[in-house]
Amino acid sequence: MSEDVLVDTNVLLDVLNSDSEWGHWSEQRLSEFANRLMINPIIYTELCYTAADVEQVDTAVNILGLAFKEMPKEALFLTAQAFRIYRERGGTKTALLADFFIGAHAQALKIPILTRDTERYRSYFPSVSLISP
């Protein structure tokens, strides 16, 4: 069986919001990796931001064929380590960033991330494969 693919929120929003620039690319990638797509609590939370209720998010998750996976403790540790490095490099954010949780989860599971936003993943999780434009 092929490995899972962690889907970044930006790809999901491209499809859900029918983004004129990226919607087609994102839809093609979701189709390409169908039955292998997963999200975690952070991605789910980001999807909730503009939703009316949990049912709306759950419906979208089901329609898109996304599996929900909790984050292992190893991923949480890796998140904190990446954030520490970010701060040491002069990063100004004082709260943990969603991308650190997503990148760490992919690194802990040794799976790729489907994303359009590659900069932070490449900087702090260089061992994670990225599926990107």
C-alpha atoms as a PDB file:
ATOM      1  CA  MET A   1       0.000   0.000   0.000  1.00  0.00           C
ATOM      2  CA  SER A   2       1.219   3.503  -0.772  1.00  0.00           C
ATOM      3  CA  GLU A   3       2.107   5.915   1.988  1.00  0.00           C
ATOM      4  CA  ASP A   4      -0.258   8.510   3.369  1.00  0.00           C
ATOM      5  CA  VAL A   5      -0.013  12.132   2.279  1.00  0.00           C
ATOM      6  CA  LEU A   6      -0.590  14.959   4.753  1.00  0.00           C
ATOM      7  CA  VAL A   7      -2.614  17.696   3.044  1.00  0.00           C
ATOM      8  CA  ASP A   8      -1.831  21.285   3.970  1.00  0.00           C
ATOM      9  CA  THR A   9      -4.790  23.571   4.554  1.00  0.00           C
ATOM     10  CA  ASN A  10      -3.970  25.840   1.609  1.00  0.00           C
ATOM     11  CA  VAL A  11      -4.587  23.002  -0.863  1.00  0.00           C
ATOM     12  CA  LEU A  12      -7.917  22.142   0.741  1.00  0.00           C
ATOM     13  CA  LEU A  13      -9.054  25.758   0.767  1.00  0.00           C
ATOM     14  CA  ASP A  14      -8.123  26.088  -2.909  1.00  0.00           C
ATOM     15  CA  VAL A  15     -10.680  23.390  -3.686  1.00  0.00           C
ATOM     16  CA  LEU A  16     -13.319  24.339  -1.132  1.00  0.00           C
ATOM     17  CA  ASN A  17     -13.204  28.013  -2.160  1.00  0.00           C
ATOM     18  CA  SER A  18     -12.841  27.327  -5.913  1.00  0.00           C
ATOM     19  CA  ASP A  19      -9.663  29.397  -6.033  1.00  0.00           C
ATOM     20  CA  SER A  20      -9.256  30.748  -9.568  1.00  0.00           C
ATOM     21  CA  GLU A  21      -5.457  30.548  -9.504  1.00  0.00           C
ATOM     22  CA  TRP A  22      -4.783  27.275  -7.666  1.00  0.00           C
ATOM     23  CA  GLY A  23      -8.092  25.392  -7.540  1.00  0.00           C
ATOM     24  CA  HIS A  24      -7.438  23.253 -10.610  1.00  0.00           C
ATOM     25  CA  TRP A  25      -3.905  22.266  -9.552  1.00  0.00           C
ATOM     26  CA  SER A  26      -5.060  21.434  -6.020  1.00  0.00           C
ATOM     27  CA  GLU A  27      -8.057  19.442  -7.238  1.00  0.00           C
ATOM     28  CA  GLN A  28      -5.814  17.400  -9.545  1.00  0.00           C
ATOM     29  CA  ARG A  29      -3.409  16.618  -6.691  1.00  0.00           C
ATOM     30  CA  LEU A  30      -6.235  15.562  -4.374  1.00  0.00           C
ATOM     31  CA  SER A  31      -7.490  13.213  -7.097  1.00  0.00           C
ATOM     32  CA  GLU A  32      -3.988  11.902  -7.734  1.00  0.00           C
ATOM     33  CA  PHE A  33      -3.521  10.955  -4.079  1.00  0.00           C
ATOM     34  CA  ALA A  34      -7.106   9.861  -3.347  1.00  0.00           C
ATOM     35  CA  ASN A  35      -7.476   7.276  -0.561  1.00  0.00           C
ATOM     36  CA  ARG A  36      -4.088   8.328   0.855  1.00  0.00           C
ATOM     37  CA  LEU A  37      -4.981  11.820   2.083  1.00  0.00           C
ATOM     38  CA  MET A  38      -4.893  12.720   5.750  1.00  0.00           C
ATOM     39  CA  ILE A  39      -5.229  15.749   7.991  1.00  0.00           C
ATOM     40  CA  ASN A  40      -4.389  16.323  11.641  1.00  0.00           C
ATOM     41  CA  PRO A  41      -5.966  18.415  14.422  1.00  0.00           C
ATOM     42  CA  ILE A  42      -4.122  21.559  13.305  1.00  0.00           C
ATOM     43  CA  ILE A  43      -5.345  21.330   9.713  1.00  0.00           C
ATOM     44  CA  TYR A  44      -8.858  20.524  10.954  1.00  0.00           C
ATOM     45  CA  THR A  45      -8.713  23.612  13.192  1.00  0.00           C
ATOM     46  CA  GLU A  46      -7.637  25.812  10.281  1.00  0.00           C
ATOM     47  CA  LEU A  47     -10.583  24.493   8.246  1.00  0.00           C
ATOM     48  CA  CYS A  48     -12.907  25.501  11.104  1.00  0.00           C
ATOM     49  CA  TYR A  49     -11.866  29.156  10.961  1.00  0.00           C
ATOM     50  CA  THR A  50     -14.530  30.241   8.468  1.00  0.00           C
ATOM     51  CA  ALA A  51     -16.975  27.371   8.967  1.00  0.00           C
ATOM     52  CA  ALA A  52     -20.436  27.865  10.408  1.00  0.00           C
ATOM     53  CA  ASP A  53     -20.249  24.698  12.516  1.00  0.00           C
ATOM     54  CA  VAL A  54     -18.461  21.377  13.006  1.00  0.00           C
ATOM     55  CA  GLU A  55     -20.890  19.594  10.698  1.00  0.00           C
ATOM     56  CA  GLN A  56     -19.838  21.831   7.801  1.00  0.00           C
ATOM     57  CA  VAL A  57     -16.181  20.935   8.357  1.00  0.00           C
ATOM     58  CA  ASP A  58     -16.926  17.232   8.786  1.00  0.00           C
ATOM     59  CA  THR A  59     -18.934  17.249   5.563  1.00  0.00           C
ATOM     60  CA  ALA A  60     -16.035  18.832   3.682  1.00  0.00           C
ATOM     61  CA  VAL A  61     -13.578  16.356   5.202  1.00  0.00           C
ATOM     62  CA  ASN A  62     -15.780  13.449   4.140  1.00  0.00           C
ATOM     63  CA  ILE A  63     -16.396  14.782   0.622  1.00  0.00           C
ATOM     64  CA  LEU A  64     -12.664  15.303   0.120  1.00  0.00           C
ATOM     65  CA  GLY A  65     -11.929  11.793   1.416  1.00  0.00           C
ATOM     66  CA  LEU A  66      -9.608  12.899   4.200  1.00  0.00           C
ATOM     67  CA  ALA A  67      -8.586  10.641   7.057  1.00  0.00           C
ATOM     68  CA  PHE A  68      -8.167  12.342  10.447  1.00  0.00           C
ATOM     69  CA  LYS A  69      -5.028  11.327  12.346  1.00  0.00           C
ATOM     70  CA  GLU A  70      -3.971  12.447  15.809  1.00  0.00           C
ATOM     71  CA  MET A  71      -0.419  13.660  16.278  1.00  0.00           C
ATOM     72  CA  PRO A  72       2.033  11.361  18.065  1.00  0.00           C
ATOM     73  CA  LYS A  73       4.169  12.714  20.916  1.00  0.00           C
ATOM     74  CA  GLU A  74       7.238  12.556  18.679  1.00  0.00           C
ATOM     75  CA  ALA A  75       5.612  15.075  16.329  1.00  0.00           C
ATOM     76  CA  LEU A  76       4.846  17.401  19.229  1.00  0.00           C
ATOM     77  CA  PHE A  77       8.468  17.227  20.338  1.00  0.00           C
ATOM     78  CA  LEU A  78       9.683  17.945  16.800  1.00  0.00           C
ATOM     79  CA  THR A  79       7.296  20.916  16.647  1.00  0.00           C
ATOM     80  CA  ALA A  80       8.885  22.478  19.713  1.00  0.00           C
ATOM     81  CA  GLN A  81      12.407  21.842  18.405  1.00  0.00           C
ATOM     82  CA  ALA A  82      11.638  23.461  15.037  1.00  0.00           C
ATOM     83  CA  PHE A  83      10.093  26.453  16.778  1.00  0.00           C
ATOM     84  CA  ARG A  84      13.171  26.815  18.999  1.00  0.00           C
ATOM     85  CA  ILE A  85      15.383  26.898  15.892  1.00  0.00           C
ATOM     86  CA  TYR A  86      13.033  29.432  14.279  1.00  0.00           C
ATOM     87  CA  ARG A  87      13.363  31.735  17.299  1.00  0.00           C
ATOM     88  CA  GLU A  88      17.148  31.269  17.416  1.00  0.00           C
ATOM     89  CA  ARG A  89      17.279  32.322  13.751  1.00  0.00           C
ATOM     90  CA  GLY A  90      15.488  35.554  14.620  1.00  0.00           C
ATOM     91  CA  GLY A  91      11.871  34.504  14.063  1.00  0.00           C
ATOM     92  CA  THR A  92       9.572  37.051  15.649  1.00  0.00           C
ATOM     93  CA  LYS A  93       6.394  35.031  16.262  1.00  0.00           C
ATOM     94  CA  THR A  94       6.003  34.116  19.928  1.00  0.00           C
ATOM     95  CA  ALA A  95       3.359  31.406  19.505  1.00  0.00           C
ATOM     96  CA  LEU A  96       3.900  28.070  17.809  1.00  0.00           C
ATOM     97  CA  LEU A  97       3.015  28.226  14.129  1.00  0.00           C
ATOM     98  CA  ALA A  98       0.658  25.775  12.438  1.00  0.00           C
ATOM     99  CA  ASP A  99       3.273  24.888   9.817  1.00  0.00           C
ATOM    100  CA  PHE A 100       5.586  23.603  12.547  1.00  0.00           C
ATOM    101  CA  PHE A 101       2.930  21.151  13.747  1.00  0.00           C
ATOM    102  CA  ILE A 102       2.181  20.034  10.195  1.00  0.00           C
ATOM    103  CA  GLY A 103       5.827  19.657   9.204  1.00  0.00           C
ATOM    104  CA  ALA A 104       6.696  17.814  12.409  1.00  0.00           C
ATOM    105  CA  HIS A 105       3.765  15.433  11.963  1.00  0.00           C
ATOM    106  CA  ALA A 106       4.914  14.568   8.438  1.00  0.00           C
ATOM    107  CA  GLN A 107       8.496  14.134   9.626  1.00  0.00           C
ATOM    108  CA  ALA A 108       7.487  11.877  12.515  1.00  0.00           C
ATOM    109  CA  LEU A 109       5.410   9.677  10.190  1.00  0.00           C
ATOM    110  CA  LYS A 110       7.955   9.924   7.340  1.00  0.00           C
ATOM    111  CA  ILE A 111       5.262  10.948   4.846  1.00  0.00           C
ATOM    112  CA  PRO A 112       5.069  13.794   2.319  1.00  0.00           C
ATOM    113  CA  ILE A 113       3.082  17.009   2.583  1.00  0.00           C
ATOM    114  CA  LEU A 114       0.863  18.193  -0.260  1.00  0.00           C
ATOM    115  CA  THR A 115       1.242  21.984  -0.134  1.00  0.00           C
ATOM    116  CA  ARG A 116       1.740  25.190  -2.075  1.00  0.00           C
ATOM    117  CA  ASP A 117       3.547  26.857   0.831  1.00  0.00           C
ATOM    118  CA  THR A 118       6.997  25.264   0.851  1.00  0.00           C
ATOM    119  CA  GLU A 119       9.373  27.809   2.392  1.00  0.00           C
ATOM    120  CA  ARG A 120       8.925  27.030   6.094  1.00  0.00           C
ATOM    121  CA  TYR A 121       8.755  23.268   5.505  1.00  0.00           C
ATOM    122  CA  ARG A 122      11.997  23.313   3.507  1.00  0.00           C
ATOM    123  CA  SER A 123      13.693  25.475   6.136  1.00  0.00           C
ATOM    124  CA  TYR A 124      12.705  23.536   9.246  1.00  0.00           C
ATOM    125  CA  PHE A 125      11.824  20.055   7.977  1.00  0.00           C
ATOM    126  CA  PRO A 126      14.266  19.427   5.106  1.00  0.00           C
ATOM    127  CA  SER A 127      13.851  15.642   5.299  1.00  0.00           C
ATOM    128  CA  VAL A 128      10.105  15.868   4.536  1.00  0.00           C
ATOM    129  CA  SER A 129       9.152  15.342   0.887  1.00  0.00           C
ATOM    130  CA  LEU A 130       6.933  18.046  -0.514  1.00  0.00           C
ATOM    131  CA  ILE A 131       4.386  17.666  -3.276  1.00  0.00           C
ATOM    132  CA  SER A 132       4.156  21.208  -4.585  1.00  0.00           C
ATOM    133  CA  PRO A 133       3.884  23.233  -7.789  1.00  0.00           C
END
